[in-house]
């Protein structure tokens, strides 16, 4: 592990794992143990796709390969030992030379929610908006979302702007986080699934 990563790895509040080029965990810090509900030492040798959905791991690898610096991020869900799933922003980059070890930080998107009396369960979404939220949580790009929903770039931008206002979110990551916190997205479902009453539909397909 390169020197600049030691401080990040040792910080107790940043769940971080080091994997080999094949995606098997070499080391994990205490924050990762708390996030996954497993002892840190038991994570050694575990494939990353056993902690994150395989589709999310594939998306990270594809995005890493497309960038000169090998940096990639995606919204994913960590599978805990107790069966619960925690939405995270997974960020990966090379620990050294290309083709070697990788660093993967897992930033939880949903802290323990505080329920307030009288607070609404979640904003009311249209069918199109619910599918866009699912796509954002899955990590689809604007091009992929527009193709799946048959929306122009301007139409998609309009819907995303409306969603950001509904959730009072300044970014896409914040929008996804608030969708989980407010119960719009089901934290136990993968691919991401929006809970929209009276609007049965199939989830968006995984990114190609």
N, C-alpha and C. Protein backbone atom coordinates (compact mmCIF):
# COMPACT_ATOMS: atom_id res chain seq x y z
N UNK A 1 0.85 -1.19 0.00
CA UNK A 1 0.00 0.00 0.00
C UNK A 1 0.89 1.24 0.00
N UNK A 2 0.62 2.17 -0.92
CA UNK A 2 1.46 3.35 -1.03
C UNK A 2 1.28 4.26 0.18
N UNK A 3 2.31 5.08 0.45
CA UNK A 3 2.33 5.88 1.68
C UNK A 3 1.12 6.80 1.81
N UNK A 4 0.70 7.41 0.68
CA UNK A 4 -0.40 8.39 0.77
C UNK A 4 -1.72 7.75 1.18
N UNK A 5 -1.79 6.44 1.15
CA UNK A 5 -3.03 5.76 1.50
C UNK A 5 -3.07 5.32 2.95
N UNK A 6 -1.91 5.28 3.62
CA UNK A 6 -1.88 4.79 4.99
C UNK A 6 -2.79 5.60 5.91
N UNK A 7 -2.74 6.93 5.78
CA UNK A 7 -3.56 7.77 6.66
C UNK A 7 -5.04 7.50 6.45
N UNK A 8 -5.45 7.38 5.19
CA UNK A 8 -6.84 7.10 4.89
C UNK A 8 -7.25 5.73 5.43
N UNK A 9 -6.38 4.73 5.24
CA UNK A 9 -6.69 3.38 5.69
C UNK A 9 -6.82 3.33 7.21
N UNK A 10 -5.98 4.07 7.91
CA UNK A 10 -5.96 4.01 9.37
C UNK A 10 -7.07 4.83 10.01
N UNK A 11 -7.70 5.74 9.27
CA UNK A 11 -8.76 6.56 9.86
C UNK A 11 -9.97 5.68 10.15
N UNK A 12 -10.36 5.63 11.41
CA UNK A 12 -11.42 4.71 11.81
C UNK A 12 -12.76 4.99 11.17
N UNK A 13 -12.98 6.22 10.64
CA UNK A 13 -14.30 6.55 10.12
C UNK A 13 -14.42 6.33 8.61
N UNK A 14 -13.37 5.85 7.96
CA UNK A 14 -13.42 5.62 6.52
C UNK A 14 -13.27 4.13 6.21
N UNK A 15 -14.36 3.42 5.94
CA UNK A 15 -14.23 2.00 5.59
C UNK A 15 -13.38 1.84 4.33
N UNK A 16 -12.27 1.13 4.45
CA UNK A 16 -11.31 0.99 3.36
C UNK A 16 -10.79 -0.43 3.29
N UNK A 17 -10.75 -0.98 2.08
CA UNK A 17 -10.14 -2.28 1.88
C UNK A 17 -9.08 -2.17 0.79
N UNK A 18 -8.10 -3.07 0.85
CA UNK A 18 -7.10 -3.21 -0.21
C UNK A 18 -7.33 -4.56 -0.86
N UNK A 19 -7.48 -4.57 -2.18
CA UNK A 19 -7.68 -5.82 -2.90
C UNK A 19 -6.53 -6.06 -3.86
N UNK A 20 -6.34 -7.32 -4.24
CA UNK A 20 -5.37 -7.60 -5.28
C UNK A 20 -6.02 -7.35 -6.64
N UNK A 21 -5.25 -7.56 -7.71
CA UNK A 21 -5.75 -7.25 -9.05
C UNK A 21 -6.96 -8.10 -9.42
N UNK A 22 -7.08 -9.27 -8.80
CA UNK A 22 -8.21 -10.16 -9.09
C UNK A 22 -9.46 -9.81 -8.29
N UNK A 23 -9.35 -8.82 -7.39
CA UNK A 23 -10.52 -8.38 -6.63
C UNK A 23 -10.72 -9.08 -5.30
N UNK A 24 -9.66 -9.75 -4.77
CA UNK A 24 -9.77 -10.40 -3.46
C UNK A 24 -9.15 -9.51 -2.39
N UNK A 25 -9.84 -9.39 -1.26
CA UNK A 25 -9.41 -8.48 -0.20
C UNK A 25 -8.09 -8.96 0.42
N UNK A 26 -7.13 -8.06 0.47
CA UNK A 26 -5.86 -8.33 1.16
C UNK A 26 -5.91 -7.84 2.61
N UNK A 27 -6.54 -6.69 2.81
CA UNK A 27 -6.58 -6.09 4.14
C UNK A 27 -7.81 -5.22 4.25
N UNK A 28 -8.32 -5.06 5.47
CA UNK A 28 -9.48 -4.21 5.72
C UNK A 28 -9.30 -3.54 7.07
N UNK A 29 -9.75 -2.30 7.18
CA UNK A 29 -9.56 -1.57 8.44
C UNK A 29 -10.78 -1.75 9.35
N UNK A 30 -10.69 -1.30 10.61
CA UNK A 30 -11.79 -1.50 11.57
C UNK A 30 -13.12 -0.91 11.13
N UNK A 31 -13.07 0.22 10.38
CA UNK A 31 -14.31 0.83 9.92
C UNK A 31 -15.05 -0.10 8.96
N UNK A 32 -14.28 -0.85 8.17
CA UNK A 32 -14.91 -1.81 7.26
C UNK A 32 -15.58 -2.93 8.04
N UNK A 33 -14.94 -3.34 9.13
CA UNK A 33 -15.55 -4.37 9.98
C UNK A 33 -16.88 -3.89 10.54
N UNK A 34 -16.95 -2.64 10.98
CA UNK A 34 -18.20 -2.09 11.51
C UNK A 34 -19.27 -2.00 10.42
N UNK A 35 -18.84 -1.60 9.22
CA UNK A 35 -19.78 -1.45 8.12
C UNK A 35 -20.37 -2.79 7.68
N UNK A 36 -19.52 -3.80 7.60
CA UNK A 36 -19.96 -5.10 7.09
C UNK A 36 -20.49 -6.02 8.17
N UNK A 37 -20.23 -5.70 9.45
CA UNK A 37 -20.65 -6.57 10.54
C UNK A 37 -19.82 -7.83 10.64
N UNK A 38 -18.58 -7.78 10.14
CA UNK A 38 -17.68 -8.93 10.18
C UNK A 38 -16.34 -8.50 10.76
N UNK A 39 -15.64 -9.40 11.47
CA UNK A 39 -14.30 -9.06 11.95
C UNK A 39 -13.39 -8.72 10.77
N UNK A 40 -12.53 -7.71 10.94
CA UNK A 40 -11.67 -7.28 9.84
C UNK A 40 -10.81 -8.43 9.32
N UNK A 41 -10.30 -9.26 10.23
CA UNK A 41 -9.42 -10.35 9.78
C UNK A 41 -10.16 -11.38 8.95
N UNK A 42 -11.49 -11.50 9.15
CA UNK A 42 -12.25 -12.49 8.38
C UNK A 42 -12.49 -12.05 6.95
N UNK A 43 -12.23 -10.77 6.65
CA UNK A 43 -12.47 -10.26 5.30
C UNK A 43 -11.32 -10.59 4.36
N UNK A 44 -10.15 -10.92 4.91
CA UNK A 44 -8.99 -11.24 4.06
C UNK A 44 -9.32 -12.46 3.21
N UNK A 45 -9.09 -12.33 1.91
CA UNK A 45 -9.35 -13.43 0.99
C UNK A 45 -10.76 -13.45 0.42
N UNK A 46 -11.64 -12.57 0.93
CA UNK A 46 -13.01 -12.51 0.43
C UNK A 46 -13.03 -11.71 -0.87
N UNK A 47 -13.75 -12.18 -1.86
CA UNK A 47 -13.88 -11.46 -3.13
C UNK A 47 -14.73 -10.20 -2.92
N UNK A 48 -14.31 -9.11 -3.54
CA UNK A 48 -15.04 -7.85 -3.37
C UNK A 48 -16.50 -8.00 -3.80
N UNK A 49 -16.76 -8.86 -4.80
CA UNK A 49 -18.15 -9.01 -5.26
C UNK A 49 -19.00 -9.79 -4.28
N UNK A 50 -18.41 -10.27 -3.16
CA UNK A 50 -19.20 -10.84 -2.09
C UNK A 50 -19.64 -9.76 -1.09
N UNK A 51 -18.98 -8.61 -1.16
CA UNK A 51 -19.35 -7.48 -0.31
C UNK A 51 -20.24 -6.49 -1.07
N UNK A 52 -19.94 -6.31 -2.35
CA UNK A 52 -20.71 -5.42 -3.21
C UNK A 52 -21.39 -6.25 -4.30
N UNK A 53 -22.49 -5.77 -4.87
CA UNK A 53 -23.13 -6.51 -5.95
C UNK A 53 -22.17 -6.68 -7.13
N UNK A 54 -22.17 -7.83 -7.79
CA UNK A 54 -21.28 -8.05 -8.94
C UNK A 54 -21.43 -6.98 -10.02
N UNK A 55 -22.66 -6.50 -10.25
CA UNK A 55 -22.87 -5.46 -11.25
C UNK A 55 -22.11 -4.19 -10.90
N UNK A 56 -22.08 -3.85 -9.61
CA UNK A 56 -21.37 -2.65 -9.18
C UNK A 56 -19.86 -2.84 -9.36
N UNK A 57 -19.35 -4.03 -9.08
CA UNK A 57 -17.93 -4.31 -9.27
C UNK A 57 -17.55 -4.22 -10.74
N UNK A 58 -18.42 -4.72 -11.61
CA UNK A 58 -18.16 -4.65 -13.05
C UNK A 58 -18.16 -3.20 -13.52
N UNK A 59 -19.10 -2.41 -13.01
CA UNK A 59 -19.16 -1.00 -13.37
C UNK A 59 -17.90 -0.27 -12.91
N UNK A 60 -17.44 -0.54 -11.70
CA UNK A 60 -16.21 0.09 -11.21
C UNK A 60 -15.02 -0.27 -12.09
N UNK A 61 -14.90 -1.55 -12.47
CA UNK A 61 -13.78 -1.98 -13.31
C UNK A 61 -13.83 -1.31 -14.68
N UNK A 62 -15.03 -1.19 -15.24
CA UNK A 62 -15.18 -0.54 -16.54
C UNK A 62 -14.80 0.92 -16.48
N UNK A 63 -15.25 1.60 -15.43
CA UNK A 63 -14.93 3.03 -15.29
C UNK A 63 -13.44 3.24 -15.00
N UNK A 64 -12.85 2.32 -14.23
CA UNK A 64 -11.42 2.42 -13.92
C UNK A 64 -10.60 2.29 -15.20
N UNK A 65 -10.98 1.35 -16.05
CA UNK A 65 -10.23 1.11 -17.29
C UNK A 65 -10.34 2.28 -18.25
N UNK A 66 -11.42 3.06 -18.14
CA UNK A 66 -11.65 4.17 -19.07
C UNK A 66 -10.93 5.45 -18.64
N UNK A 67 -10.33 5.45 -17.45
CA UNK A 67 -9.67 6.67 -16.95
C UNK A 67 -8.16 6.46 -16.86
N UNK A 68 -7.39 7.45 -17.30
CA UNK A 68 -5.92 7.33 -17.24
C UNK A 68 -5.40 7.10 -15.83
N UNK A 69 -6.06 7.72 -14.83
CA UNK A 69 -5.60 7.57 -13.45
C UNK A 69 -6.20 6.36 -12.75
N UNK A 70 -7.10 5.66 -13.43
CA UNK A 70 -7.70 4.46 -12.85
C UNK A 70 -8.69 4.71 -11.75
N UNK A 71 -9.10 5.97 -11.57
CA UNK A 71 -10.05 6.32 -10.51
C UNK A 71 -11.47 6.00 -10.98
N UNK A 72 -12.28 5.45 -10.09
CA UNK A 72 -13.67 5.16 -10.46
C UNK A 72 -14.54 5.20 -9.21
N UNK A 73 -15.81 5.56 -9.39
CA UNK A 73 -16.74 5.50 -8.27
C UNK A 73 -18.11 5.08 -8.78
N UNK A 74 -18.91 4.55 -7.86
CA UNK A 74 -20.26 4.08 -8.21
C UNK A 74 -21.07 3.96 -6.93
N UNK A 75 -22.37 4.12 -7.06
CA UNK A 75 -23.28 3.88 -5.96
C UNK A 75 -23.53 2.38 -5.89
N UNK A 76 -23.40 1.81 -4.70
CA UNK A 76 -23.56 0.36 -4.54
C UNK A 76 -24.23 0.08 -3.19
N UNK A 77 -24.35 -1.18 -2.87
CA UNK A 77 -24.94 -1.60 -1.60
C UNK A 77 -24.03 -2.64 -0.97
N UNK A 78 -23.59 -2.41 0.27
CA UNK A 78 -22.77 -3.38 0.99
C UNK A 78 -23.67 -4.43 1.64
N UNK A 79 -23.28 -5.67 1.49
CA UNK A 79 -24.03 -6.76 2.09
C UNK A 79 -23.45 -7.07 3.47
N UNK A 80 -24.20 -6.80 4.51
CA UNK A 80 -23.75 -7.05 5.88
C UNK A 80 -23.93 -8.52 6.25
N UNK A 81 -23.20 -8.93 7.28
CA UNK A 81 -23.29 -10.32 7.74
C UNK A 81 -24.67 -10.63 8.29
N UNK A 82 -25.39 -9.63 8.81
CA UNK A 82 -26.72 -9.87 9.38
C UNK A 82 -27.83 -9.80 8.34
N UNK A 83 -27.45 -9.69 7.07
CA UNK A 83 -28.44 -9.67 6.00
C UNK A 83 -28.87 -8.29 5.58
N UNK A 84 -28.59 -7.28 6.39
CA UNK A 84 -28.97 -5.92 6.01
C UNK A 84 -28.04 -5.42 4.90
N UNK A 85 -28.53 -4.44 4.15
CA UNK A 85 -27.74 -3.86 3.08
C UNK A 85 -27.62 -2.36 3.29
N UNK A 86 -26.42 -1.85 3.13
CA UNK A 86 -26.14 -0.44 3.39
C UNK A 86 -25.71 0.23 2.09
N UNK A 87 -26.45 1.24 1.62
CA UNK A 87 -26.03 1.94 0.41
C UNK A 87 -24.75 2.73 0.65
N UNK A 88 -23.82 2.64 -0.30
CA UNK A 88 -22.53 3.31 -0.16
C UNK A 88 -22.13 3.92 -1.50
N UNK A 89 -21.20 4.85 -1.41
CA UNK A 89 -20.48 5.30 -2.61
C UNK A 89 -19.13 4.61 -2.58
N UNK A 90 -18.91 3.69 -3.52
CA UNK A 90 -17.66 2.95 -3.60
C UNK A 90 -16.69 3.71 -4.50
N UNK A 91 -15.49 3.96 -4.00
CA UNK A 91 -14.46 4.69 -4.75
C UNK A 91 -13.22 3.82 -4.80
N UNK A 92 -12.72 3.56 -6.01
CA UNK A 92 -11.54 2.71 -6.16
C UNK A 92 -10.48 3.40 -7.00
N UNK A 93 -9.23 3.05 -6.72
CA UNK A 93 -8.11 3.54 -7.53
C UNK A 93 -6.90 2.64 -7.28
N UNK A 94 -5.91 2.66 -8.18
CA UNK A 94 -4.74 1.80 -8.02
C UNK A 94 -3.92 2.18 -6.80
N UNK A 95 -3.44 1.18 -6.07
CA UNK A 95 -2.58 1.43 -4.91
C UNK A 95 -1.15 1.69 -5.35
N UNK A 96 -0.82 1.34 -6.56
CA UNK A 96 0.55 1.53 -7.07
C UNK A 96 0.52 1.46 -8.58
N UNK A 97 1.39 0.62 -9.13
CA UNK A 97 1.47 0.47 -10.57
C UNK A 97 0.20 -0.17 -11.11
N UNK A 98 -0.20 0.17 -12.34
CA UNK A 98 -1.38 -0.47 -12.95
C UNK A 98 -1.25 -1.99 -12.95
N UNK A 99 -2.37 -2.65 -12.70
CA UNK A 99 -2.35 -4.10 -12.67
C UNK A 99 -2.01 -4.69 -11.33
N UNK A 100 -1.80 -3.81 -10.33
CA UNK A 100 -1.47 -4.27 -8.98
C UNK A 100 -2.65 -4.15 -8.04
N UNK A 101 -2.33 -3.91 -6.75
CA UNK A 101 -3.38 -3.80 -5.74
C UNK A 101 -4.26 -2.58 -5.99
N UNK A 102 -5.47 -2.65 -5.44
CA UNK A 102 -6.42 -1.56 -5.55
C UNK A 102 -6.88 -1.11 -4.18
N UNK A 103 -7.18 0.16 -4.06
CA UNK A 103 -7.79 0.72 -2.85
C UNK A 103 -9.28 0.87 -3.13
N UNK A 104 -10.10 0.49 -2.17
CA UNK A 104 -11.55 0.67 -2.31
C UNK A 104 -12.09 1.27 -1.01
N UNK A 105 -12.58 2.51 -1.10
CA UNK A 105 -13.22 3.17 0.04
C UNK A 105 -14.73 3.06 -0.12
N UNK A 106 -15.41 2.80 0.98
CA UNK A 106 -16.86 2.61 0.98
C UNK A 106 -17.49 3.68 1.88
N UNK A 107 -18.01 4.71 1.28
CA UNK A 107 -18.58 5.81 2.04
C UNK A 107 -20.08 5.59 2.21
N UNK A 108 -20.55 5.27 3.43
CA UNK A 108 -21.99 5.04 3.63
C UNK A 108 -22.79 6.28 3.26
N UNK A 109 -23.88 6.07 2.55
CA UNK A 109 -24.74 7.17 2.13
C UNK A 109 -25.89 7.41 3.09
N UNK A 110 -26.16 6.42 3.95
CA UNK A 110 -27.32 6.53 4.83
C UNK A 110 -26.89 6.38 6.28
N UNK A 111 -26.76 7.48 7.02
CA UNK A 111 -26.55 7.35 8.46
C UNK A 111 -27.81 6.84 9.12
N UNK A 112 -27.72 6.50 10.39
CA UNK A 112 -28.92 6.06 11.10
C UNK A 112 -29.94 7.18 11.07
N UNK A 113 -31.07 6.98 10.42
CA UNK A 113 -32.02 8.08 10.26
C UNK A 113 -32.69 8.46 11.58
N UNK A 114 -32.95 9.74 11.72
CA UNK A 114 -33.69 10.24 12.89
C UNK A 114 -35.09 10.57 12.43
N UNK A 115 -36.06 9.89 12.97
CA UNK A 115 -37.44 10.10 12.56
C UNK A 115 -38.03 11.28 13.34
N UNK A 116 -38.69 12.14 12.62
CA UNK A 116 -39.34 13.30 13.24
C UNK A 116 -40.85 13.15 13.11
N UNK A 117 -41.54 13.44 14.19
CA UNK A 117 -43.00 13.32 14.17
C UNK A 117 -43.57 14.22 13.08
N UNK A 118 -44.47 13.65 12.29
CA UNK A 118 -45.12 14.43 11.25
C UNK A 118 -44.32 14.54 9.98
N UNK A 119 -43.12 14.00 9.93
CA UNK A 119 -42.32 14.10 8.71
C UNK A 119 -42.90 13.19 7.65
N UNK A 120 -42.96 13.61 6.38
CA UNK A 120 -43.50 12.77 5.33
C UNK A 120 -42.60 11.58 5.08
N UNK A 121 -43.22 10.46 4.64
CA UNK A 121 -42.44 9.27 4.35
C UNK A 121 -41.45 9.53 3.23
N UNK A 122 -41.92 10.10 2.14
CA UNK A 122 -41.03 10.44 1.04
C UNK A 122 -41.77 11.33 0.05
N UNK A 123 -41.02 12.05 -0.81
CA UNK A 123 -41.68 12.89 -1.80
C UNK A 123 -42.49 12.03 -2.76
N UNK A 124 -43.51 12.62 -3.35
CA UNK A 124 -44.31 11.93 -4.35
C UNK A 124 -43.59 11.99 -5.68
N UNK A 125 -43.39 10.81 -6.31
CA UNK A 125 -42.67 10.74 -7.57
C UNK A 125 -43.56 10.23 -8.69
N UNK A 126 -43.28 10.72 -9.89
CA UNK A 126 -43.94 10.16 -11.07
C UNK A 126 -43.23 8.84 -11.43
N UNK A 127 -43.84 8.09 -12.35
CA UNK A 127 -43.23 6.83 -12.78
C UNK A 127 -41.85 7.08 -13.38
N UNK A 128 -41.73 8.12 -14.21
CA UNK A 128 -40.44 8.42 -14.83
C UNK A 128 -39.40 8.81 -13.78
N UNK A 129 -39.83 9.62 -12.79
CA UNK A 129 -38.89 10.05 -11.76
C UNK A 129 -38.40 8.87 -10.92
N UNK A 130 -39.31 7.94 -10.62
CA UNK A 130 -38.90 6.79 -9.81
C UNK A 130 -37.86 5.95 -10.56
N UNK A 131 -38.01 5.81 -11.86
CA UNK A 131 -37.06 5.03 -12.64
C UNK A 131 -35.73 5.76 -12.79
N UNK A 132 -35.78 7.09 -12.85
CA UNK A 132 -34.54 7.86 -12.90
C UNK A 132 -33.77 7.71 -11.60
N UNK A 133 -34.47 7.77 -10.46
CA UNK A 133 -33.80 7.58 -9.17
C UNK A 133 -33.15 6.20 -9.11
N UNK A 134 -33.86 5.17 -9.59
CA UNK A 134 -33.29 3.83 -9.63
C UNK A 134 -32.03 3.80 -10.48
N UNK A 135 -32.09 4.46 -11.64
CA UNK A 135 -30.94 4.48 -12.54
C UNK A 135 -29.75 5.21 -11.95
N UNK A 136 -30.00 6.33 -11.28
CA UNK A 136 -28.91 7.06 -10.63
C UNK A 136 -28.25 6.22 -9.55
N UNK A 137 -29.07 5.51 -8.77
CA UNK A 137 -28.53 4.65 -7.72
C UNK A 137 -27.74 3.49 -8.30
N UNK A 138 -28.11 3.05 -9.50
CA UNK A 138 -27.41 1.96 -10.16
C UNK A 138 -26.11 2.43 -10.80
N UNK A 139 -25.96 3.75 -10.98
CA UNK A 139 -24.74 4.28 -11.56
C UNK A 139 -24.81 4.50 -13.06
N UNK A 140 -26.03 4.51 -13.64
CA UNK A 140 -26.16 4.74 -15.07
C UNK A 140 -25.78 6.18 -15.42
N UNK A 141 -25.19 6.36 -16.60
CA UNK A 141 -24.86 7.69 -17.10
C UNK A 141 -26.10 8.33 -17.71
N UNK A 142 -25.99 9.63 -18.03
CA UNK A 142 -27.11 10.32 -18.68
C UNK A 142 -27.46 9.65 -20.01
N UNK A 143 -26.44 9.25 -20.76
CA UNK A 143 -26.69 8.61 -22.05
C UNK A 143 -27.45 7.30 -21.86
N UNK A 144 -27.02 6.50 -20.87
CA UNK A 144 -27.69 5.23 -20.60
C UNK A 144 -29.12 5.44 -20.11
N UNK A 145 -29.31 6.42 -19.21
CA UNK A 145 -30.65 6.70 -18.71
C UNK A 145 -31.57 7.18 -19.82
N UNK A 146 -31.07 8.10 -20.65
CA UNK A 146 -31.88 8.62 -21.75
C UNK A 146 -32.28 7.52 -22.71
N UNK A 147 -31.34 6.60 -22.99
CA UNK A 147 -31.65 5.50 -23.90
C UNK A 147 -32.70 4.57 -23.31
N UNK A 148 -32.56 4.22 -22.02
CA UNK A 148 -33.51 3.29 -21.40
C UNK A 148 -34.90 3.90 -21.26
N UNK A 149 -34.97 5.21 -21.02
CA UNK A 149 -36.26 5.85 -20.77
C UNK A 149 -36.80 6.61 -21.98
N UNK A 150 -36.02 6.58 -23.09
CA UNK A 150 -36.44 7.27 -24.31
C UNK A 150 -36.65 8.76 -24.06
N UNK A 151 -35.69 9.36 -23.35
CA UNK A 151 -35.76 10.78 -23.05
C UNK A 151 -34.60 11.50 -23.73
N UNK A 152 -34.86 12.72 -24.19
CA UNK A 152 -33.79 13.55 -24.73
C UNK A 152 -32.92 14.05 -23.58
N UNK A 153 -31.76 14.60 -23.94
CA UNK A 153 -30.89 15.15 -22.89
C UNK A 153 -31.59 16.24 -22.11
N UNK A 154 -32.31 17.11 -22.84
CA UNK A 154 -33.02 18.20 -22.16
C UNK A 154 -34.13 17.65 -21.26
N UNK A 155 -34.84 16.63 -21.74
CA UNK A 155 -35.90 16.04 -20.93
C UNK A 155 -35.36 15.39 -19.68
N UNK A 156 -34.23 14.69 -19.81
CA UNK A 156 -33.63 14.05 -18.65
C UNK A 156 -33.13 15.09 -17.66
N UNK A 157 -32.48 16.14 -18.16
CA UNK A 157 -32.01 17.21 -17.27
C UNK A 157 -33.17 17.84 -16.50
N UNK A 158 -34.30 18.02 -17.19
CA UNK A 158 -35.48 18.60 -16.54
C UNK A 158 -35.94 17.72 -15.37
N UNK A 159 -36.03 16.41 -15.61
CA UNK A 159 -36.49 15.50 -14.56
C UNK A 159 -35.50 15.46 -13.40
N UNK A 160 -34.20 15.43 -13.69
CA UNK A 160 -33.21 15.37 -12.62
C UNK A 160 -33.23 16.65 -11.79
N UNK A 161 -33.39 17.80 -12.46
CA UNK A 161 -33.50 19.07 -11.71
C UNK A 161 -34.72 19.05 -10.80
N UNK A 162 -35.85 18.54 -11.28
CA UNK A 162 -37.05 18.44 -10.44
C UNK A 162 -36.80 17.53 -9.24
N UNK A 163 -36.11 16.41 -9.49
CA UNK A 163 -35.81 15.48 -8.40
C UNK A 163 -34.91 16.13 -7.36
N UNK A 164 -33.92 16.86 -7.80
CA UNK A 164 -33.01 17.52 -6.84
C UNK A 164 -33.77 18.53 -5.99
N UNK A 165 -34.74 19.21 -6.58
CA UNK A 165 -35.54 20.15 -5.79
C UNK A 165 -36.45 19.40 -4.82
N UNK A 166 -37.05 18.31 -5.27
CA UNK A 166 -37.95 17.54 -4.39
C UNK A 166 -37.20 16.99 -3.18
N UNK A 167 -35.96 16.55 -3.39
CA UNK A 167 -35.19 15.96 -2.30
C UNK A 167 -34.26 16.98 -1.62
N UNK A 168 -34.29 18.24 -2.09
CA UNK A 168 -33.40 19.27 -1.55
C UNK A 168 -31.95 18.79 -1.58
N UNK A 169 -31.56 18.23 -2.72
CA UNK A 169 -30.22 17.64 -2.88
C UNK A 169 -29.38 18.49 -3.84
N UNK A 170 -28.13 18.72 -3.46
CA UNK A 170 -27.25 19.56 -4.27
C UNK A 170 -26.50 18.77 -5.32
N UNK A 171 -26.50 17.44 -5.21
CA UNK A 171 -25.75 16.61 -6.16
C UNK A 171 -26.50 15.31 -6.39
N UNK A 172 -26.05 14.54 -7.36
CA UNK A 172 -26.67 13.24 -7.61
C UNK A 172 -26.46 12.30 -6.43
N UNK A 173 -25.25 12.30 -5.88
CA UNK A 173 -24.98 11.42 -4.74
C UNK A 173 -25.89 11.77 -3.57
N UNK A 174 -26.09 13.08 -3.33
CA UNK A 174 -26.98 13.50 -2.24
C UNK A 174 -28.42 13.11 -2.54
N UNK A 175 -28.80 13.18 -3.82
CA UNK A 175 -30.15 12.78 -4.20
C UNK A 175 -30.38 11.30 -3.89
N UNK A 176 -29.41 10.46 -4.27
CA UNK A 176 -29.54 9.02 -4.00
C UNK A 176 -29.57 8.76 -2.49
N UNK A 177 -28.70 9.45 -1.76
CA UNK A 177 -28.66 9.26 -0.31
C UNK A 177 -30.00 9.61 0.32
N UNK A 178 -30.58 10.74 -0.08
CA UNK A 178 -31.86 11.15 0.49
C UNK A 178 -32.99 10.22 0.05
N UNK A 179 -32.87 9.65 -1.14
CA UNK A 179 -33.88 8.68 -1.59
C UNK A 179 -33.87 7.45 -0.69
N UNK A 180 -32.68 7.02 -0.24
CA UNK A 180 -32.61 5.89 0.69
C UNK A 180 -33.13 6.30 2.08
N UNK A 181 -32.71 7.47 2.55
CA UNK A 181 -33.10 7.92 3.89
C UNK A 181 -34.61 8.10 4.01
N UNK A 182 -35.24 8.65 2.96
CA UNK A 182 -36.67 8.91 3.02
C UNK A 182 -37.51 7.68 2.67
N UNK A 183 -36.86 6.60 2.28
CA UNK A 183 -37.60 5.37 2.00
C UNK A 183 -38.06 5.22 0.57
N UNK A 184 -37.69 6.14 -0.31
CA UNK A 184 -38.05 6.00 -1.73
C UNK A 184 -37.36 4.78 -2.32
N UNK A 185 -36.07 4.58 -1.99
CA UNK A 185 -35.34 3.42 -2.46
C UNK A 185 -35.29 2.37 -1.35
N UNK A 186 -35.54 1.15 -1.72
CA UNK A 186 -35.54 0.04 -0.77
C UNK A 186 -34.10 -0.42 -0.53
N UNK A 187 -33.55 -0.25 0.67
CA UNK A 187 -32.16 -0.63 0.94
C UNK A 187 -31.93 -2.13 0.88
N UNK A 188 -32.98 -2.92 0.87
CA UNK A 188 -32.83 -4.38 0.82
C UNK A 188 -32.90 -4.92 -0.59
N UNK A 189 -33.05 -4.04 -1.59
CA UNK A 189 -33.23 -4.50 -2.97
C UNK A 189 -32.03 -4.14 -3.83
N UNK A 190 -31.63 -5.07 -4.67
CA UNK A 190 -30.65 -4.80 -5.72
C UNK A 190 -31.02 -5.62 -6.94
N UNK A 191 -31.12 -5.02 -8.14
CA UNK A 191 -30.88 -3.63 -8.47
C UNK A 191 -31.79 -2.69 -7.68
N UNK A 192 -31.38 -1.41 -7.60
CA UNK A 192 -32.16 -0.46 -6.81
C UNK A 192 -33.64 -0.47 -7.21
N UNK A 193 -34.48 -0.39 -6.21
CA UNK A 193 -35.92 -0.48 -6.43
C UNK A 193 -36.63 0.64 -5.68
N UNK A 194 -37.37 1.47 -6.42
CA UNK A 194 -38.10 2.56 -5.79
C UNK A 194 -39.42 2.07 -5.25
N UNK A 195 -39.75 2.53 -4.05
CA UNK A 195 -41.04 2.20 -3.45
C UNK A 195 -42.02 3.31 -3.81
N UNK A 196 -42.75 3.10 -4.88
CA UNK A 196 -43.72 4.10 -5.32
C UNK A 196 -45.08 3.44 -5.33
N UNK A 197 -45.97 3.83 -4.41
CA UNK A 197 -47.28 3.20 -4.28
C UNK A 197 -48.10 3.39 -5.55
N UNK A 198 -48.71 2.28 -5.97
CA UNK A 198 -49.58 2.35 -7.12
C UNK A 198 -48.85 2.47 -8.44
N UNK A 199 -47.55 2.23 -8.45
CA UNK A 199 -46.78 2.37 -9.69
C UNK A 199 -45.91 1.15 -9.90
N UNK A 200 -46.49 -0.04 -10.14
CA UNK A 200 -45.68 -1.23 -10.37
C UNK A 200 -44.93 -1.12 -11.68
N UNK A 201 -43.66 -1.41 -11.66
CA UNK A 201 -42.85 -1.40 -12.87
C UNK A 201 -41.62 -2.24 -12.62
N UNK A 202 -40.97 -2.59 -13.69
CA UNK A 202 -39.74 -3.39 -13.55
C UNK A 202 -38.56 -2.48 -13.33
N UNK A 203 -37.57 -2.93 -12.53
CA UNK A 203 -36.39 -2.10 -12.30
C UNK A 203 -35.61 -1.90 -13.58
N UNK A 204 -34.80 -0.84 -13.60
CA UNK A 204 -33.93 -0.58 -14.75
C UNK A 204 -32.91 -1.71 -14.89
N UNK A 205 -32.52 -2.03 -16.11
CA UNK A 205 -31.51 -3.07 -16.30
C UNK A 205 -30.15 -2.61 -15.82
N UNK A 206 -29.24 -3.54 -15.60
CA UNK A 206 -27.90 -3.20 -15.19
C UNK A 206 -27.17 -2.51 -16.32
N UNK A 207 -26.19 -1.61 -16.00
CA UNK A 207 -25.45 -0.92 -17.06
C UNK A 207 -24.65 -1.90 -17.88
N UNK A 208 -24.55 -1.63 -19.18
CA UNK A 208 -23.79 -2.51 -20.06
C UNK A 208 -22.34 -2.07 -20.12
